[in-house]
Amino acid sequence: MSATLEEMFNKDSILDVSFFNFENAITAAYFADAELNIVKANKNFKALFPNIKNIEGFNILALLGRLGVSDEQIEEFSNSLQRDKKVLIPQLKIKTSDAFKTFSFLATFTENGTFSYLNGVQGQLIDRTEEYRLHEQNQTLLAENETTNQRLKEKSEKLESIANRLAKYLSPQVYETIFSDRMREDESYTRKNLTVFFSDIVSFTDISDTLEPEKLAHIINSYLSDMTEIAIANGGTIDKFIGDAVMVFFGDPDSAGEEMDAFRCVKMALEMQQKIAQISRSWKANETKSPKLWWKVPIPWLVLYSWLESVYPHS
């Protein structure tokens, strides 16, 4: 009777040849028999168990327990291997001699019709500690970036809210200068000819003493709002409100030329006078007990000041 190949070749030699590719692998590789007892293991696998001098013959499940793998994961490994004939655990925390490390654990049943002792389980432990460390760092950075972006969004919304509130109190020209790049250090201050307009309500102090605060506030707010709209429509820059008084100037930050600035100022004053007459008629029609408004300086004697002495910041 002729001998079979399995009988003709030395078992240890065949195992050495079959395991040759794993001997110098950077992974921790092993080969176990069908009962999961270690037959061959490379130096990286053996290095995981410095206290075991001869690792051959140890059961892989028992070795996993020595590495600190939980009973649940060991059971999962065993069940998956028996059920699917292969198993992959992407992330396995293992306690080594110096620290906890993260490995991927792969194992599969091998089949060989010629050499029965090659039927067993081939597996590898791939060290992914650095990979997962970088992944965790990236996740931390992403979380920090998300937090930073959220804070920037909140600050941006807050600044936008502040800007919108300022827009209600600043002339468009001043607002545009502040929130644009028009201002330069060498142009922060300049000397200009400005056309300046002043107006207030006749006997405002006496009027304020005879009205309820709420009605007075309504009257003055309505009056100043209308005057503001007219000033802005004519290109005037509202400098300030002083009680019932309004101060508007033309020529800064934008100027249409000194003559045109003065013309616009006079045009604005005429429109304001017309608006005051309209307001008085409206209040009278509504039977509102509100005072009749007069300017201290009537339009025929409107005083327009132009001077070089005033120095205004460009902003």
Protein backbone atom coordinates (compact mmCIF):
# COMPACT_ATOMS: atom_id res chain seq x y z
CA MET A 1 0.00 0.00 0.00
CA SER A 2 1.43 3.35 -1.00
CA ALA A 3 2.02 5.98 1.74
CA THR A 4 -0.01 9.17 1.82
CA LEU A 5 1.62 12.59 1.54
CA GLU A 6 0.80 13.25 5.18
CA GLU A 7 2.76 10.13 6.12
CA MET A 8 5.64 10.99 3.80
CA PHE A 9 6.31 14.50 5.16
CA ASN A 10 7.41 15.50 8.60
CA LYS A 11 4.60 17.21 10.51
CA ASP A 12 6.78 19.87 12.13
CA SER A 13 8.36 20.73 8.78
CA ILE A 14 4.96 21.19 7.13
CA LEU A 15 3.76 23.35 10.03
CA ASP A 16 6.93 25.45 9.81
CA VAL A 17 6.48 25.93 6.05
CA SER A 18 2.78 26.72 6.42
CA PHE A 19 3.47 29.25 9.19
CA PHE A 20 6.50 30.77 7.46
CA ASN A 21 4.68 33.91 6.28
CA PHE A 22 3.58 34.68 9.82
CA GLU A 23 6.94 34.20 11.55
CA ASN A 24 8.21 37.70 10.80
CA ALA A 25 4.85 39.46 10.49
CA ILE A 26 4.37 42.73 12.33
CA THR A 27 1.08 41.38 13.66
CA ALA A 28 0.73 38.96 16.56
CA ALA A 29 -0.08 35.77 14.63
CA TYR A 30 -0.88 32.25 15.77
CA PHE A 31 -2.16 28.90 14.51
CA ALA A 32 -4.34 26.72 16.75
CA ASP A 33 -5.87 23.29 16.29
CA ALA A 34 -9.60 22.68 15.98
CA GLU A 35 -9.96 22.78 19.79
CA LEU A 36 -8.32 26.24 19.81
CA ASN A 37 -5.10 25.08 21.42
CA ILE A 38 -2.02 26.99 20.22
CA VAL A 39 0.20 25.02 17.83
CA LYS A 40 2.41 27.80 16.44
CA ALA A 41 2.85 31.47 17.41
CA ASN A 42 5.21 34.16 16.22
CA LYS A 43 7.38 36.33 18.48
CA ASN A 44 4.89 39.23 18.55
CA PHE A 45 2.15 36.95 19.84
CA LYS A 46 4.45 35.45 22.43
CA ALA A 47 5.49 38.95 23.54
CA LEU A 48 1.93 39.51 24.75
CA PHE A 49 2.53 36.82 27.36
CA PRO A 50 5.98 37.45 28.87
CA ASN A 51 5.23 35.21 31.86
CA ILE A 52 4.54 32.13 29.71
CA LYS A 53 7.75 30.42 28.60
CA ASN A 54 6.16 27.86 26.28
CA ILE A 55 2.88 29.11 24.83
CA GLU A 56 2.21 26.09 22.60
CA GLY A 57 -0.65 24.03 24.00
CA PHE A 58 -2.44 26.93 25.72
CA ASN A 59 -6.05 27.46 24.69
CA ILE A 60 -6.64 30.75 22.88
CA LEU A 61 -9.75 31.50 24.96
CA ALA A 62 -7.74 31.16 28.17
CA LEU A 63 -5.03 33.40 26.75
CA LEU A 64 -7.61 36.08 25.94
CA GLY A 65 -8.71 35.95 29.56
CA ARG A 66 -5.12 36.55 30.66
CA LEU A 67 -5.04 39.63 28.45
CA GLY A 68 -7.97 41.13 30.35
CA VAL A 69 -10.58 40.49 27.65
CA SER A 70 -14.06 40.38 29.18
CA ASP A 71 -16.00 37.13 29.44
CA GLU A 72 -18.66 38.60 27.14
CA GLN A 73 -16.13 39.30 24.38
CA ILE A 74 -14.52 35.87 24.79
CA GLU A 75 -17.95 34.24 24.46
CA GLU A 76 -18.71 36.41 21.45
CA PHE A 77 -15.42 35.35 19.83
CA SER A 78 -16.06 31.64 20.45
CA ASN A 79 -19.69 31.73 19.27
CA SER A 80 -18.90 33.71 16.12
CA LEU A 81 -16.03 31.40 15.23
CA GLN A 82 -18.16 28.28 15.64
CA ARG A 83 -21.15 29.77 13.83
CA ASP A 84 -19.48 31.63 10.96
CA LYS A 85 -16.13 29.82 10.86
CA LYS A 86 -14.52 33.24 11.10
CA VAL A 87 -14.58 36.24 13.39
CA LEU A 88 -13.53 39.87 13.33
CA ILE A 89 -13.53 42.04 16.42
CA PRO A 90 -12.57 45.55 15.20
CA GLN A 91 -11.72 46.97 18.63
CA LEU A 92 -10.39 44.85 21.44
CA LYS A 93 -8.85 46.42 24.54
CA ILE A 94 -5.95 44.28 25.77
CA LYS A 95 -3.81 44.75 28.86
CA THR A 96 -0.15 44.25 27.98
CA SER A 97 2.84 44.36 30.31
CA ASP A 98 3.21 48.15 30.04
CA ALA A 99 -0.22 49.52 29.14
CA PHE A 100 -3.65 48.92 27.70
CA LYS A 101 -3.60 48.68 23.93
CA THR A 102 -6.21 48.44 21.23
CA PHE A 103 -6.15 45.54 18.78
CA SER A 104 -8.25 44.20 15.96
CA PHE A 105 -8.73 40.45 16.35
CA LEU A 106 -9.15 38.25 13.27
CA ALA A 107 -9.54 34.48 13.19
CA THR A 108 -10.74 31.90 10.68
CA PHE A 109 -10.95 28.13 10.37
CA THR A 110 -8.51 26.59 7.88
CA GLU A 111 -9.14 23.45 5.83
CA ASN A 112 -6.61 21.22 4.11
CA GLY A 113 -7.48 17.88 2.47
CA THR A 114 -3.91 16.64 2.35
CA PHE A 115 -2.56 17.40 5.80
CA SER A 116 -5.15 16.94 8.54
CA TYR A 117 -3.06 18.76 11.13
CA LEU A 118 -3.40 21.96 9.06
CA ASN A 119 -7.11 21.98 9.82
CA GLY A 120 -7.44 24.46 12.63
CA VAL A 121 -7.76 28.16 13.39
CA GLN A 122 -5.48 30.83 12.03
CA GLY A 123 -5.60 34.24 13.70
CA GLN A 124 -3.94 37.62 14.13
CA LEU A 125 -3.97 40.44 16.61
CA ILE A 126 -3.32 43.73 14.82
CA ASP A 127 -2.11 46.58 17.02
CA ARG A 128 -4.25 49.65 16.26
CA THR A 129 -3.42 51.59 19.41
CA GLU A 130 -1.89 54.57 17.60
CA GLU A 131 -4.65 54.58 15.01
CA TYR A 132 -7.38 54.73 17.65
CA ARG A 133 -5.42 57.30 19.65
CA LEU A 134 -5.31 59.56 16.61
CA HIS A 135 -8.97 58.86 15.97
CA GLU A 136 -9.85 59.91 19.52
CA GLN A 137 -7.74 63.05 19.14
CA ASN A 138 -9.51 63.86 15.89
CA GLN A 139 -12.88 63.35 17.56
CA THR A 140 -11.80 65.64 20.39
CA LEU A 141 -10.65 68.27 17.92
CA LEU A 142 -13.90 67.97 15.99
CA ALA A 143 -15.86 68.44 19.22
CA GLU A 144 -13.71 71.44 20.16
CA ASN A 145 -14.13 72.91 16.68
CA GLU A 146 -17.87 72.43 16.94
CA THR A 147 -17.86 74.22 20.29
CA THR A 148 -15.66 77.00 18.90
CA ASN A 149 -17.87 77.39 15.83
CA GLN A 150 -20.94 77.56 18.05
CA ARG A 151 -19.32 80.24 20.19
CA LEU A 152 -18.27 82.19 17.09
CA LYS A 153 -21.81 81.91 15.77
CA GLU A 154 -23.21 83.19 19.05
CA LYS A 155 -20.70 86.08 19.12
CA SER A 156 -21.45 86.87 15.48
CA GLU A 157 -25.17 86.93 16.19
CA LYS A 158 -24.55 89.13 19.22
CA LEU A 159 -22.41 91.55 17.18
CA GLU A 160 -25.04 91.58 14.46
CA SER A 161 -27.68 92.39 17.06
CA ILE A 162 -25.52 95.21 18.42
CA ALA A 163 -24.91 96.52 14.90
CA ASN A 164 -28.64 96.47 14.15
CA ARG A 165 -29.34 98.34 17.38
CA LEU A 166 -26.66 100.91 16.54
CA ALA A 167 -28.17 101.37 13.11
CA LYS A 168 -31.30 102.72 14.79
CA TYR A 169 -29.34 105.44 16.58
CA LEU A 170 -26.67 106.36 14.04
CA SER A 171 -26.94 108.17 10.75
CA PRO A 172 -26.44 105.81 7.81
CA GLN A 173 -23.26 107.66 6.82
CA VAL A 174 -21.74 107.26 10.28
CA TYR A 175 -22.88 103.64 10.52
CA GLU A 176 -21.37 102.85 7.11
CA THR A 177 -18.07 104.46 8.08
CA ILE A 178 -17.85 102.50 11.34
CA PHE A 179 -18.68 99.13 9.79
CA SER A 180 -16.59 99.50 6.64
CA ASP A 181 -12.87 99.75 5.89
CA ARG A 182 -13.07 103.35 4.80
CA MET A 183 -11.30 104.67 7.87
CA ARG A 184 -7.52 104.73 7.72
CA GLU A 185 -5.11 105.79 10.43
CA ASP A 186 -3.72 108.67 8.37
CA GLU A 187 -7.28 109.93 7.73
CA SER A 188 -8.67 109.68 11.24
CA TYR A 189 -8.99 113.46 11.56
CA THR A 190 -9.50 116.11 8.93
CA ARG A 191 -10.52 119.79 8.72
CA LYS A 192 -13.65 120.50 6.65
CA ASN A 193 -16.25 123.13 5.91
CA LEU A 194 -19.54 121.85 7.32
CA THR A 195 -23.07 123.19 7.02
CA VAL A 196 -24.64 122.76 10.44
CA PHE A 197 -28.33 122.88 11.30
CA PHE A 198 -29.93 123.42 14.73
CA SER A 199 -33.61 123.42 15.65
CA ASP A 200 -35.80 122.93 18.72
CA ILE A 201 -39.38 123.41 19.83
CA VAL A 202 -40.58 126.77 21.21
CA SER A 203 -41.39 126.66 24.94
CA PHE A 204 -40.69 122.95 25.16
CA THR A 205 -39.95 123.22 28.89
CA ASP A 206 -43.39 124.76 29.53
CA ILE A 207 -45.06 122.13 27.35
CA SER A 208 -43.33 119.28 29.17
CA ASP A 209 -44.60 120.60 32.52
CA THR A 210 -48.25 120.39 31.39
CA LEU A 211 -48.29 116.87 29.86
CA GLU A 212 -48.25 113.40 31.28
CA PRO A 213 -44.82 111.70 30.77
CA GLU A 214 -46.30 109.00 28.50
CA LYS A 215 -47.98 111.53 26.21
CA LEU A 216 -44.90 113.73 26.19
CA ALA A 217 -42.73 110.74 25.23
CA HIS A 218 -45.12 109.85 22.42
CA ILE A 219 -45.10 113.42 21.07
CA ILE A 220 -41.33 113.89 21.20
CA ASN A 221 -40.57 110.43 19.79
CA SER A 222 -42.99 110.96 16.91
CA TYR A 223 -41.53 114.40 16.21
CA LEU A 224 -37.89 113.27 16.31
CA SER A 225 -38.62 110.20 14.17
CA ASP A 226 -40.16 112.34 11.45
CA MET A 227 -37.31 114.85 11.58
CA THR A 228 -34.78 112.02 11.42
CA GLU A 229 -36.35 110.53 8.30
CA ILE A 230 -36.25 113.88 6.55
CA ALA A 231 -32.62 114.52 7.55
CA ILE A 232 -31.48 111.11 6.32
CA ALA A 233 -33.45 111.43 3.07
CA ASN A 234 -31.57 114.65 2.31
CA GLY A 235 -28.15 113.20 3.09
CA GLY A 236 -27.69 114.87 6.44
CA THR A 237 -25.65 113.37 9.25
CA ILE A 238 -27.49 113.48 12.58
CA ASP A 239 -24.99 114.57 15.18
CA LYS A 240 -27.17 114.45 18.28
CA PHE A 241 -30.55 114.98 19.92
CA ILE A 242 -30.62 117.24 22.96
CA GLY A 243 -34.06 116.85 24.44
CA ASP A 244 -36.27 118.39 21.72
CA ALA A 245 -33.29 119.88 19.88
CA VAL A 246 -31.86 118.35 16.71
CA MET A 247 -28.36 118.92 15.35
CA VAL A 248 -27.64 117.86 11.77
CA PHE A 249 -24.62 118.61 9.62
CA PHE A 250 -23.79 118.22 5.95
CA GLY A 251 -20.35 117.63 4.48
CA ASP A 252 -19.08 114.68 6.51
CA PRO A 253 -18.42 111.83 6.11
CA ASP A 254 -19.75 112.34 2.56
CA SER A 255 -19.96 115.67 0.79
CA ALA A 256 -21.58 116.76 -2.46
CA GLY A 257 -19.59 120.00 -2.38
CA GLU A 258 -20.00 122.95 -0.05
CA GLU A 259 -22.72 124.69 -2.09
CA MET A 260 -24.74 121.50 -2.59
CA ASP A 261 -24.36 120.62 1.09
CA ALA A 262 -25.85 124.02 2.03
CA PHE A 263 -28.63 123.61 -0.54
CA ARG A 264 -29.55 120.20 0.85
CA CYS A 265 -29.63 121.64 4.36
CA VAL A 266 -32.09 124.39 3.33
CA LYS A 267 -34.21 121.84 1.44
CA MET A 268 -34.27 119.64 4.53
CA ALA A 269 -35.33 122.56 6.72
CA LEU A 270 -38.23 123.41 4.39
CA GLU A 271 -39.41 119.82 4.39
CA MET A 272 -39.20 119.72 8.19
CA GLN A 273 -41.34 122.87 8.40
CA GLN A 274 -43.93 121.30 6.10
CA LYS A 275 -43.91 118.10 8.15
CA ILE A 276 -44.49 120.01 11.39
CA ALA A 277 -47.54 121.70 9.88
CA GLN A 278 -48.79 118.28 8.76
CA ILE A 279 -48.25 116.81 12.23
CA SER A 280 -50.18 119.69 13.85
CA ARG A 281 -53.15 119.21 11.47
CA SER A 282 -53.14 115.46 12.12
CA TRP A 283 -53.21 115.92 15.88
CA LYS A 284 -55.97 118.51 15.58
CA ALA A 285 -58.05 116.18 13.37
CA ASN A 286 -57.68 113.41 15.94
CA GLU A 287 -58.63 115.82 18.70
CA THR A 288 -55.38 115.08 20.42
CA LYS A 289 -54.68 117.59 23.14
CA SER A 290 -51.15 118.15 22.01
CA PRO A 291 -49.31 121.45 21.81
CA LYS A 292 -48.80 123.30 18.59
CA LEU A 293 -45.14 123.00 17.69
CA TRP A 294 -43.06 125.97 16.60
CA TRP A 295 -39.39 126.20 15.91
CA LYS A 296 -37.45 128.80 17.81
CA VAL A 297 -35.79 129.82 14.54
CA PRO A 298 -38.47 130.20 11.78
CA ILE A 299 -37.36 129.24 8.30
CA PRO A 300 -37.02 132.81 6.90
CA TRP A 301 -34.50 133.53 9.65
CA LEU A 302 -32.96 130.04 9.62
CA VAL A 303 -29.37 130.28 10.69
CA LEU A 304 -26.95 128.02 8.79
CA TYR A 305 -23.45 127.93 10.18
CA SER A 306 -20.36 127.10 8.16
CA TRP A 307 -17.01 127.17 9.82
CA LEU A 308 -13.50 125.84 9.61
CA GLU A 309 -12.91 125.78 13.35
CA SER A 310 -14.86 122.57 13.95
CA VAL A 311 -12.84 119.42 13.63
CA TYR A 312 -14.78 116.15 13.30
CA PRO A 313 -13.37 112.63 13.38
CA HIS A 314 -13.71 111.00 9.98
CA SER A 315 -15.51 108.09 11.62
